[in-house]
Amino acid sequence: MAAHKVTEENFSSVSMNDHLDFYHDCNDVTRIDAIESLTEYGSKLKFKPKAKVIEVGCADGSVSNILFQHLPKDIELLLSCDKNEKAVQFAKEHYKNNKTAYRVLDIEGDLPEDLKGKFDNFISLMTFHWVPQQEKAFRNVYDLLADDGECFLTLKSYSHIYHMFVLQSKSKKWGPFMKNIKNFLSPYYDLSMPDQHIAKILKNVGFKNIDVRSKQKMYTFKNLEKFRGLMIGVNPFKVPENEFENYIDDLMETARTLRIIDEENGTLSFLFNMNIVHCTK
């Protein structure tokens, strides 16, 4: 089959966070990771009385809600941010409380002056792997924090899902829509020791008390439709709407080529490497 021609008309298309309902319904893995990470490492985090906390990567707000439940009761503010306006609006509508505010913010962009140096804690859970300009983003994290402020975040390096996207991008059919694939893989996707690379960036930025760890994890979807829904929700590529279902069908077939689907039980298990970052300003 001939490759599709990419046109401006095609780009009334489907891409990440346009299907927030699918993301909200199917993204159990991120919520589970958030609970596990906060349970395991929460005791190491230090919060001042009436702390101001900023979170980057709130997406639909469900992880923000989990984070809020793990924070001290006396915090003054949790400011949960995302660069996607639709996501921020969704979070406002579904996870509102009297101490959580939502705001559009691009952690790779220029910081608003009113946010610089205003936060005691920066937290981001399973989001920073979406950020191509890592050093720029970490410099912004540094600038958001007050003196002695604390940074805690988790991010992926390798993942079977990334490998699926890489394989799909090599097809004649879908390759034209996935030319910018490197922008949507973790910057550490193909590094053997991502923790050391991250620690070097943090040191260059000026952070201290740097602790970066790597952990391999596996998650099993007990329902293939749940995984399909997640792929719809997190798809970062602009695929024409009239081709989107075929694109997802082929992505599921790519998963089968990786042998991560158990056809007999109707489950899918994928590996990913998670990096845990803890440091102070």
C-alpha atoms as a PDB file:
ATOM      1  CA  MET A   1       0.000   0.000   0.000  1.00  0.00           C
ATOM      2  CA  ALA A   2       1.281   3.475  -0.876  1.00  0.00           C
ATOM      3  CA  ALA A   3       2.258   5.782   1.927  1.00  0.00           C
ATOM      4  CA  HIS A   4      -0.350   8.343   2.969  1.00  0.00           C
ATOM      5  CA  LYS A   5       0.309  11.922   1.917  1.00  0.00           C
ATOM      6  CA  VAL A   6       0.526  14.226   4.904  1.00  0.00           C
ATOM      7  CA  THR A   7      -1.495  17.391   4.316  1.00  0.00           C
ATOM      8  CA  GLU A   8      -2.769  20.269   6.435  1.00  0.00           C
ATOM      9  CA  GLU A   9      -6.270  18.892   5.940  1.00  0.00           C
ATOM     10  CA  ASN A  10      -5.213  15.582   7.439  1.00  0.00           C
ATOM     11  CA  PHE A  11      -4.076  17.349  10.561  1.00  0.00           C
ATOM     12  CA  SER A  12      -7.606  17.860  11.811  1.00  0.00           C
ATOM     13  CA  SER A  13      -6.401  14.744  13.449  1.00  0.00           C
ATOM     14  CA  VAL A  14      -6.164  12.721  16.607  1.00  0.00           C
ATOM     15  CA  SER A  15      -3.242  13.160  18.993  1.00  0.00           C
ATOM     16  CA  MET A  16      -2.290  12.970  22.671  1.00  0.00           C
ATOM     17  CA  ASN A  17      -4.794  14.239  25.229  1.00  0.00           C
ATOM     18  CA  ASP A  18      -7.469  14.916  22.582  1.00  0.00           C
ATOM     19  CA  HIS A  19      -9.115  11.753  23.923  1.00  0.00           C
ATOM     20  CA  LEU A  20      -8.990  12.598  27.610  1.00  0.00           C
ATOM     21  CA  ASP A  21     -11.960  10.357  28.298  1.00  0.00           C
ATOM     22  CA  PHE A  22      -9.998   7.310  27.093  1.00  0.00           C
ATOM     23  CA  TYR A  23      -6.941   8.421  29.034  1.00  0.00           C
ATOM     24  CA  HIS A  24      -8.997   8.931  32.184  1.00  0.00           C
ATOM     25  CA  ASP A  25     -10.724   5.553  31.914  1.00  0.00           C
ATOM     26  CA  CYS A  26      -7.712   3.464  30.895  1.00  0.00           C
ATOM     27  CA  ASN A  27      -4.582   4.970  32.442  1.00  0.00           C
ATOM     28  CA  ASP A  28      -4.540   2.792  35.549  1.00  0.00           C
ATOM     29  CA  VAL A  29      -0.815   2.151  35.178  1.00  0.00           C
ATOM     30  CA  THR A  30       0.127   5.784  35.881  1.00  0.00           C
ATOM     31  CA  ARG A  31      -2.205   5.967  38.872  1.00  0.00           C
ATOM     32  CA  ILE A  32      -0.815   2.721  40.291  1.00  0.00           C
ATOM     33  CA  ASP A  33       2.754   3.959  39.777  1.00  0.00           C
ATOM     34  CA  ALA A  34       1.874   7.198  41.549  1.00  0.00           C
ATOM     35  CA  ILE A  35       0.493   5.349  44.568  1.00  0.00           C
ATOM     36  CA  GLU A  36       3.471   2.972  44.698  1.00  0.00           C
ATOM     37  CA  SER A  37       6.047   5.760  44.321  1.00  0.00           C
ATOM     38  CA  LEU A  38       4.453   8.018  46.921  1.00  0.00           C
ATOM     39  CA  THR A  39       4.035   5.111  49.330  1.00  0.00           C
ATOM     40  CA  GLU A  40       7.632   3.952  48.904  1.00  0.00           C
ATOM     41  CA  TYR A  41       9.384   7.326  48.837  1.00  0.00           C
ATOM     42  CA  GLY A  42       6.901   9.637  50.555  1.00  0.00           C
ATOM     43  CA  SER A  43       8.589   9.327  53.942  1.00  0.00           C
ATOM     44  CA  LYS A  44      11.800  10.746  52.420  1.00  0.00           C
ATOM     45  CA  LEU A  45      10.100  13.929  51.265  1.00  0.00           C
ATOM     46  CA  LYS A  46      10.233  16.965  53.527  1.00  0.00           C
ATOM     47  CA  PHE A  47       7.451  19.530  53.671  1.00  0.00           C
ATOM     48  CA  LYS A  48       7.587  22.822  55.515  1.00  0.00           C
ATOM     49  CA  PRO A  49       4.499  23.968  57.422  1.00  0.00           C
ATOM     50  CA  LYS A  50       2.044  25.509  54.944  1.00  0.00           C
ATOM     51  CA  ALA A  51       4.176  24.327  52.029  1.00  0.00           C
ATOM     52  CA  LYS A  52       3.507  25.437  48.483  1.00  0.00           C
ATOM     53  CA  VAL A  53       3.777  22.463  46.123  1.00  0.00           C
ATOM     54  CA  ILE A  54       3.863  22.544  42.330  1.00  0.00           C
ATOM     55  CA  GLU A  55       3.120  19.496  40.186  1.00  0.00           C
ATOM     56  CA  VAL A  56       3.917  19.317  36.468  1.00  0.00           C
ATOM     57  CA  GLY A  57       2.071  16.908  34.196  1.00  0.00           C
ATOM     58  CA  CYS A  58      -1.349  16.821  35.809  1.00  0.00           C
ATOM     59  CA  ALA A  59      -3.030  15.521  32.604  1.00  0.00           C
ATOM     60  CA  ASP A  60      -6.608  14.541  33.540  1.00  0.00           C
ATOM     61  CA  GLY A  61      -6.060  15.378  37.226  1.00  0.00           C
ATOM     62  CA  SER A  62      -6.404  11.837  38.573  1.00  0.00           C
ATOM     63  CA  VAL A  63      -2.748  11.601  39.610  1.00  0.00           C
ATOM     64  CA  SER A  64      -2.972  15.108  41.079  1.00  0.00           C
ATOM     65  CA  ASN A  65      -5.807  13.852  43.248  1.00  0.00           C
ATOM     66  CA  ILE A  66      -3.693  10.899  44.408  1.00  0.00           C
ATOM     67  CA  LEU A  67      -0.787  13.238  45.114  1.00  0.00           C
ATOM     68  CA  PHE A  68      -3.012  15.581  47.131  1.00  0.00           C
ATOM     69  CA  GLN A  69      -4.091  12.686  49.352  1.00  0.00           C
ATOM     70  CA  HIS A  70      -0.426  11.925  50.132  1.00  0.00           C
ATOM     71  CA  LEU A  71       0.508  15.506  51.020  1.00  0.00           C
ATOM     72  CA  PRO A  72       0.448  16.922  54.564  1.00  0.00           C
ATOM     73  CA  LYS A  73      -2.941  18.304  55.556  1.00  0.00           C
ATOM     74  CA  ASP A  74      -1.493  21.737  56.291  1.00  0.00           C
ATOM     75  CA  ILE A  75      -0.141  22.535  52.820  1.00  0.00           C
ATOM     76  CA  GLU A  76      -1.091  25.987  51.606  1.00  0.00           C
ATOM     77  CA  LEU A  77      -1.330  25.123  47.908  1.00  0.00           C
ATOM     78  CA  LEU A  78      -0.945  22.370  45.344  1.00  0.00           C
ATOM     79  CA  LEU A  79      -0.577  24.001  41.927  1.00  0.00           C
ATOM     80  CA  SER A  80      -1.055  21.275  39.311  1.00  0.00           C
ATOM     81  CA  CYS A  81       0.072  22.181  35.808  1.00  0.00           C
ATOM     82  CA  ASP A  82       0.030  20.827  32.280  1.00  0.00           C
ATOM     83  CA  LYS A  83       0.843  22.393  28.928  1.00  0.00           C
ATOM     84  CA  ASN A  84      -2.351  20.965  27.409  1.00  0.00           C
ATOM     85  CA  GLU A  85      -5.237  23.386  27.946  1.00  0.00           C
ATOM     86  CA  LYS A  86      -7.875  20.686  27.444  1.00  0.00           C
ATOM     87  CA  ALA A  87      -6.242  18.547  30.122  1.00  0.00           C
ATOM     88  CA  VAL A  88      -6.139  21.431  32.588  1.00  0.00           C
ATOM     89  CA  GLN A  89      -9.813  22.180  31.993  1.00  0.00           C
ATOM     90  CA  PHE A  90     -10.708  18.489  32.417  1.00  0.00           C
ATOM     91  CA  ALA A  91      -8.775  18.356  35.698  1.00  0.00           C
ATOM     92  CA  LYS A  92     -10.501  21.512  36.962  1.00  0.00           C
ATOM     93  CA  GLU A  93     -13.896  20.011  36.257  1.00  0.00           C
ATOM     94  CA  HIS A  94     -13.223  16.587  37.787  1.00  0.00           C
ATOM     95  CA  TYR A  95     -10.724  17.067  40.641  1.00  0.00           C
ATOM     96  CA  LYS A  96     -11.416  20.384  42.277  1.00  0.00           C
ATOM     97  CA  ASN A  97     -10.740  21.062  45.968  1.00  0.00           C
ATOM     98  CA  ASN A  98     -10.047  24.107  48.099  1.00  0.00           C
ATOM     99  CA  LYS A  99      -6.257  23.672  48.138  1.00  0.00           C
ATOM    100  CA  THR A 100      -5.588  22.529  44.564  1.00  0.00           C
ATOM    101  CA  ALA A 101      -5.380  24.980  41.662  1.00  0.00           C
ATOM    102  CA  TYR A 102      -4.789  24.097  38.006  1.00  0.00           C
ATOM    103  CA  ARG A 103      -2.813  26.121  35.500  1.00  0.00           C
ATOM    104  CA  VAL A 104      -1.441  25.814  31.974  1.00  0.00           C
ATOM    105  CA  LEU A 105       2.363  25.667  32.077  1.00  0.00           C
ATOM    106  CA  ASP A 106       4.997  24.365  29.669  1.00  0.00           C
ATOM    107  CA  ILE A 107       7.979  23.228  31.730  1.00  0.00           C
ATOM    108  CA  GLU A 108      10.213  23.651  28.652  1.00  0.00           C
ATOM    109  CA  GLY A 109       9.039  27.216  28.017  1.00  0.00           C
ATOM    110  CA  ASP A 110       9.703  30.582  29.615  1.00  0.00           C
ATOM    111  CA  LEU A 111       8.518  30.645  33.216  1.00  0.00           C
ATOM    112  CA  PRO A 112       5.984  33.252  34.316  1.00  0.00           C
ATOM    113  CA  GLU A 113       7.642  35.671  36.728  1.00  0.00           C
ATOM    114  CA  ASP A 114       4.976  35.116  39.380  1.00  0.00           C
ATOM    115  CA  LEU A 115       6.019  31.464  39.752  1.00  0.00           C
ATOM    116  CA  LYS A 116       9.779  31.834  40.087  1.00  0.00           C
ATOM    117  CA  GLY A 117      11.172  30.867  43.480  1.00  0.00           C
ATOM    118  CA  LYS A 118       7.709  30.437  44.991  1.00  0.00           C
ATOM    119  CA  PHE A 119       7.529  26.693  45.717  1.00  0.00           C
ATOM    120  CA  ASP A 120       8.882  24.524  48.499  1.00  0.00           C
ATOM    121  CA  ASN A 121       8.359  21.247  46.639  1.00  0.00           C
ATOM    122  CA  PHE A 122       8.298  20.242  42.978  1.00  0.00           C
ATOM    123  CA  ILE A 123       6.686  16.892  42.168  1.00  0.00           C
ATOM    124  CA  SER A 124       6.100  15.235  38.803  1.00  0.00           C
ATOM    125  CA  LEU A 125       4.951  11.637  38.403  1.00  0.00           C
ATOM    126  CA  MET A 126       5.569   9.745  35.163  1.00  0.00           C
ATOM    127  CA  THR A 127       5.615  12.875  33.006  1.00  0.00           C
ATOM    128  CA  PHE A 128       9.197  13.995  32.386  1.00  0.00           C
ATOM    129  CA  HIS A 129       9.797  11.292  29.772  1.00  0.00           C
ATOM    130  CA  TRP A 130       7.541  13.400  27.496  1.00  0.00           C
ATOM    131  CA  VAL A 131      10.002  16.313  27.761  1.00  0.00           C
ATOM    132  CA  PRO A 132      12.642  16.427  24.981  1.00  0.00           C
ATOM    133  CA  GLN A 133      14.611  19.387  26.402  1.00  0.00           C
ATOM    134  CA  GLN A 134      15.580  17.842  29.702  1.00  0.00           C
ATOM    135  CA  GLU A 135      18.196  20.355  30.813  1.00  0.00           C
ATOM    136  CA  LYS A 136      15.927  23.303  29.992  1.00  0.00           C
ATOM    137  CA  ALA A 137      13.109  21.668  31.966  1.00  0.00           C
ATOM    138  CA  PHE A 138      15.304  20.919  34.983  1.00  0.00           C
ATOM    139  CA  ARG A 139      16.590  24.510  34.973  1.00  0.00           C
ATOM    140  CA  ASN A 140      12.988  25.647  35.121  1.00  0.00           C
ATOM    141  CA  VAL A 141      12.341  23.257  38.009  1.00  0.00           C
ATOM    142  CA  TYR A 142      15.317  24.790  39.794  1.00  0.00           C
ATOM    143  CA  ASP A 143      13.965  28.290  39.178  1.00  0.00           C
ATOM    144  CA  LEU A 144      10.474  27.386  40.417  1.00  0.00           C
ATOM    145  CA  LEU A 145      11.865  26.281  43.766  1.00  0.00           C
ATOM    146  CA  ALA A 146      12.600  28.466  46.749  1.00  0.00           C
ATOM    147  CA  ASP A 147      16.007  28.136  48.421  1.00  0.00           C
ATOM    148  CA  ASP A 148      16.410  24.610  49.835  1.00  0.00           C
ATOM    149  CA  GLY A 149      13.349  23.530  47.857  1.00  0.00           C
ATOM    150  CA  GLU A 150      12.924  19.858  47.053  1.00  0.00           C
ATOM    151  CA  CYS A 151      12.382  18.060  43.736  1.00  0.00           C
ATOM    152  CA  PHE A 152      10.875  14.579  43.446  1.00  0.00           C
ATOM    153  CA  LEU A 153       9.889  13.022  40.159  1.00  0.00           C
ATOM    154  CA  THR A 154       9.561   9.733  38.314  1.00  0.00           C
ATOM    155  CA  LEU A 155       9.965   9.108  34.599  1.00  0.00           C
ATOM    156  CA  LYS A 156      10.352   6.266  32.142  1.00  0.00           C
ATOM    157  CA  SER A 157      13.440   5.439  30.145  1.00  0.00           C
ATOM    158  CA  TYR A 158      12.867   2.226  28.150  1.00  0.00           C
ATOM    159  CA  SER A 159       9.373   0.847  27.605  1.00  0.00           C
ATOM    160  CA  HIS A 160       7.793  -1.797  25.391  1.00  0.00           C
ATOM    161  CA  ILE A 161       5.313   0.903  24.380  1.00  0.00           C
ATOM    162  CA  TYR A 162       8.129   3.064  23.021  1.00  0.00           C
ATOM    163  CA  HIS A 163       9.405   0.055  21.107  1.00  0.00           C
ATOM    164  CA  MET A 164       5.935  -0.418  19.616  1.00  0.00           C
ATOM    165  CA  PHE A 165       5.925   3.180  18.388  1.00  0.00           C
ATOM    166  CA  VAL A 166       9.429   2.807  16.923  1.00  0.00           C
ATOM    167  CA  LEU A 167       8.431  -0.303  14.974  1.00  0.00           C
ATOM    168  CA  GLN A 168       5.218   1.313  13.751  1.00  0.00           C
ATOM    169  CA  SER A 169       7.122   4.412  12.620  1.00  0.00           C
ATOM    170  CA  LYS A 170       9.154   2.263  10.228  1.00  0.00           C
ATOM    171  CA  SER A 171       6.089   1.202   8.251  1.00  0.00           C
ATOM    172  CA  LYS A 172       5.363   2.855   4.902  1.00  0.00           C
ATOM    173  CA  LYS A 173       1.763   3.317   5.945  1.00  0.00           C
ATOM    174  CA  TRP A 174       2.287   5.186   9.213  1.00  0.00           C
ATOM    175  CA  GLY A 175       5.852   6.475   8.947  1.00  0.00           C
ATOM    176  CA  PRO A 176       4.840   9.808   7.342  1.00  0.00           C
ATOM    177  CA  PHE A 177       2.760  10.654  10.411  1.00  0.00           C
ATOM    178  CA  MET A 178       5.490   9.652  12.861  1.00  0.00           C
ATOM    179  CA  LYS A 179       8.523  11.513  11.523  1.00  0.00           C
ATOM    180  CA  ASN A 180       8.888  13.400  14.795  1.00  0.00           C
ATOM    181  CA  ILE A 181       8.955  10.197  16.843  1.00  0.00           C
ATOM    182  CA  LYS A 182      12.132  11.186  18.707  1.00  0.00           C
ATOM    183  CA  ASN A 183      10.198  14.029  20.327  1.00  0.00           C
ATOM    184  CA  PHE A 184       7.842  11.508  21.925  1.00  0.00           C
ATOM    185  CA  LEU A 185      10.266   8.841  23.109  1.00  0.00           C
ATOM    186  CA  SER A 186      11.919   9.199  26.460  1.00  0.00           C
ATOM    187  CA  PRO A 187      15.229  11.049  25.977  1.00  0.00           C
ATOM    188  CA  TYR A 188      16.770   8.070  27.793  1.00  0.00           C
ATOM    189  CA  TYR A 189      15.035   5.393  25.707  1.00  0.00           C
ATOM    190  CA  ASP A 190      18.212   3.830  24.328  1.00  0.00           C
ATOM    191  CA  LEU A 191      20.664   4.605  27.142  1.00  0.00           C
ATOM    192  CA  SER A 192      22.051   1.735  29.194  1.00  0.00           C
ATOM    193  CA  MET A 193      22.556   3.850  32.342  1.00  0.00           C
ATOM    194  CA  PRO A 194      19.966   6.647  32.260  1.00  0.00           C
ATOM    195  CA  ASP A 195      20.289   7.324  35.992  1.00  0.00           C
ATOM    196  CA  GLN A 196      23.871   8.525  35.546  1.00  0.00           C
ATOM    197  CA  HIS A 197      22.881  10.753  32.639  1.00  0.00           C
ATOM    198  CA  ILE A 198      20.041  12.342  34.620  1.00  0.00           C
ATOM    199  CA  ALA A 199      22.299  12.886  37.641  1.00  0.00           C
ATOM    200  CA  LYS A 200      24.836  14.684  35.435  1.00  0.00           C
ATOM    201  CA  ILE A 201      22.157  17.070  34.146  1.00  0.00           C
ATOM    202  CA  LEU A 202      20.973  17.794  37.687  1.00  0.00           C
ATOM    203  CA  LYS A 203      24.523  18.542  38.802  1.00  0.00           C
ATOM    204  CA  ASN A 204      25.061  20.887  35.837  1.00  0.00           C
ATOM    205  CA  VAL A 205      21.873  22.751  36.712  1.00  0.00           C
ATOM    206  CA  GLY A 206      23.026  23.240  40.300  1.00  0.00           C
ATOM    207  CA  PHE A 207      20.975  20.766  42.315  1.00  0.00           C
ATOM    208  CA  LYS A 208      22.488  19.146  45.396  1.00  0.00           C
ATOM    209  CA  ASN A 209      21.791  15.995  47.432  1.00  0.00           C
ATOM    210  CA  ILE A 210      21.146  14.221  44.122  1.00  0.00           C
ATOM    211  CA  ASP A 211      19.732  10.691  44.248  1.00  0.00           C
ATOM    212  CA  VAL A 212      18.690   9.027  40.972  1.00  0.00           C
ATOM    213  CA  ARG A 213      17.675   5.374  40.865  1.00  0.00           C
ATOM    214  CA  SER A 214      16.444   2.996  38.182  1.00  0.00           C
ATOM    215  CA  LYS A 215      13.886   0.267  38.625  1.00  0.00           C
ATOM    216  CA  GLN A 216      12.449  -2.218  36.131  1.00  0.00           C
ATOM    217  CA  LYS A 217       8.714  -2.754  36.415  1.00  0.00           C
ATOM    218  CA  MET A 218       6.022  -4.756  34.667  1.00  0.00           C
ATOM    219  CA  TYR A 219       2.368  -3.946  34.294  1.00  0.00           C
ATOM    220  CA  THR A 220      -0.318  -6.359  33.093  1.00  0.00           C
ATOM    221  CA  PHE A 221      -3.506  -5.261  31.407  1.00  0.00           C
ATOM    222  CA  LYS A 222      -6.113  -7.903  32.129  1.00  0.00           C
ATOM    223  CA  ASN A 223      -8.230  -6.598  29.285  1.00  0.00           C
ATOM    224  CA  LEU A 224      -6.882  -5.810  25.799  1.00  0.00           C
ATOM    225  CA  GLU A 225      -9.558  -3.169  25.282  1.00  0.00           C
ATOM    226  CA  LYS A 226      -8.174  -1.332  28.299  1.00  0.00           C
ATOM    227  CA  PHE A 227      -4.741  -1.239  26.690  1.00  0.00           C
ATOM    228  CA  ARG A 228      -6.256  -0.176  23.390  1.00  0.00           C
ATOM    229  CA  GLY A 229      -8.017   2.657  25.198  1.00  0.00           C
ATOM    230  CA  LEU A 230      -4.742   3.757  26.761  1.00  0.00           C
ATOM    231  CA  MET A 231      -3.059   3.793  23.335  1.00  0.00           C
ATOM    232  CA  ILE A 232      -5.858   6.031  22.092  1.00  0.00           C
ATOM    233  CA  GLY A 233      -5.439   8.281  25.114  1.00  0.00           C
ATOM    234  CA  VAL A 234      -1.656   8.680  24.969  1.00  0.00           C
ATOM    235  CA  ASN A 235      -1.108   8.588  21.207  1.00  0.00           C
ATOM    236  CA  PRO A 236       1.215  11.536  20.495  1.00  0.00           C
ATOM    237  CA  PHE A 237       1.063  11.440  16.695  1.00  0.00           C
ATOM    238  CA  LYS A 238      -1.251  13.395  14.420  1.00  0.00           C
ATOM    239  CA  VAL A 239      -3.061  10.656  12.549  1.00  0.00           C
ATOM    240  CA  PRO A 240      -6.041  11.547  10.294  1.00  0.00           C
ATOM    241  CA  GLU A 241      -9.328  10.847  12.025  1.00  0.00           C
ATOM    242  CA  ASN A 242     -10.577   8.610   9.230  1.00  0.00           C
ATOM    243  CA  GLU A 243      -7.465   6.422   9.619  1.00  0.00           C
ATOM    244  CA  PHE A 244      -7.162   6.462  13.387  1.00  0.00           C
ATOM    245  CA  GLU A 245      -8.917   3.153  14.128  1.00  0.00           C
ATOM    246  CA  ASN A 246      -6.719   1.407  11.538  1.00  0.00           C
ATOM    247  CA  TYR A 247      -3.668   3.001  13.115  1.00  0.00           C
ATOM    248  CA  ILE A 248      -4.621   1.637  16.546  1.00  0.00           C
ATOM    249  CA  ASP A 249      -5.410  -1.789  15.026  1.00  0.00           C
ATOM    250  CA  ASP A 250      -1.912  -1.907  13.543  1.00  0.00           C
ATOM    251  CA  LEU A 251      -0.400  -0.782  16.834  1.00  0.00           C
ATOM    252  CA  MET A 252      -2.088  -3.739  18.538  1.00  0.00           C
ATOM    253  CA  GLU A 253      -0.645  -6.031  15.861  1.00  0.00           C
ATOM    254  CA  THR A 254       2.771  -4.547  16.565  1.00  0.00           C
ATOM    255  CA  ALA A 255       2.288  -5.512  20.214  1.00  0.00           C
ATOM    256  CA  ARG A 256       1.643  -9.061  19.054  1.00  0.00           C
ATOM    257  CA  THR A 257       4.927  -9.115  17.127  1.00  0.00           C
ATOM    258  CA  LEU A 258       6.681  -8.258  20.411  1.00  0.00           C
ATOM    259  CA  ARG A 259       4.937 -11.228  22.045  1.00  0.00           C
ATOM    260  CA  ILE A 260       3.635  -9.186  24.936  1.00  0.00           C
ATOM    261  CA  ILE A 261       0.041 -10.317  24.373  1.00  0.00           C
ATOM    262  CA  ASP A 262      -1.206 -13.572  25.876  1.00  0.00           C
ATOM    263  CA  GLU A 263      -3.921 -14.533  23.396  1.00  0.00           C
ATOM    264  CA  GLU A 264      -5.193 -17.387  25.544  1.00  0.00           C
ATOM    265  CA  ASN A 265      -5.859 -15.187  28.564  1.00  0.00           C
ATOM    266  CA  GLY A 266      -6.542 -11.965  26.675  1.00  0.00           C
ATOM    267  CA  THR A 267      -3.919 -10.045  28.649  1.00  0.00           C
ATOM    268  CA  LEU A 268      -0.976  -7.814  27.786  1.00  0.00           C
ATOM    269  CA  SER A 269       2.152  -7.398  29.927  1.00  0.00           C
ATOM    270  CA  PHE A 270       4.767  -4.768  29.197  1.00  0.00           C
ATOM    271  CA  LEU A 271       8.092  -3.913  30.774  1.00  0.00           C
ATOM    272  CA  PHE A 272       9.342  -0.432  31.476  1.00  0.00           C
ATOM    273  CA  ASN A 273      12.271   1.105  33.280  1.00  0.00           C
ATOM    274  CA  MET A 274      11.357   3.798  35.781  1.00  0.00           C
ATOM    275  CA  ASN A 275      13.796   6.389  37.074  1.00  0.00           C
ATOM    276  CA  ILE A 276      13.245   7.980  40.484  1.00  0.00           C
ATOM    277  CA  VAL A 277      14.766  11.427  41.010  1.00  0.00           C
ATOM    278  CA  HIS A 278      15.199  13.188  44.368  1.00  0.00           C
ATOM    279  CA  CYS A 279      17.287  16.317  44.877  1.00  0.00           C
ATOM    280  CA  THR A 280      17.280  19.757  46.501  1.00  0.00           C
ATOM    281  CA  LYS A 281      18.065  23.309  45.442  1.00  0.00           C
END
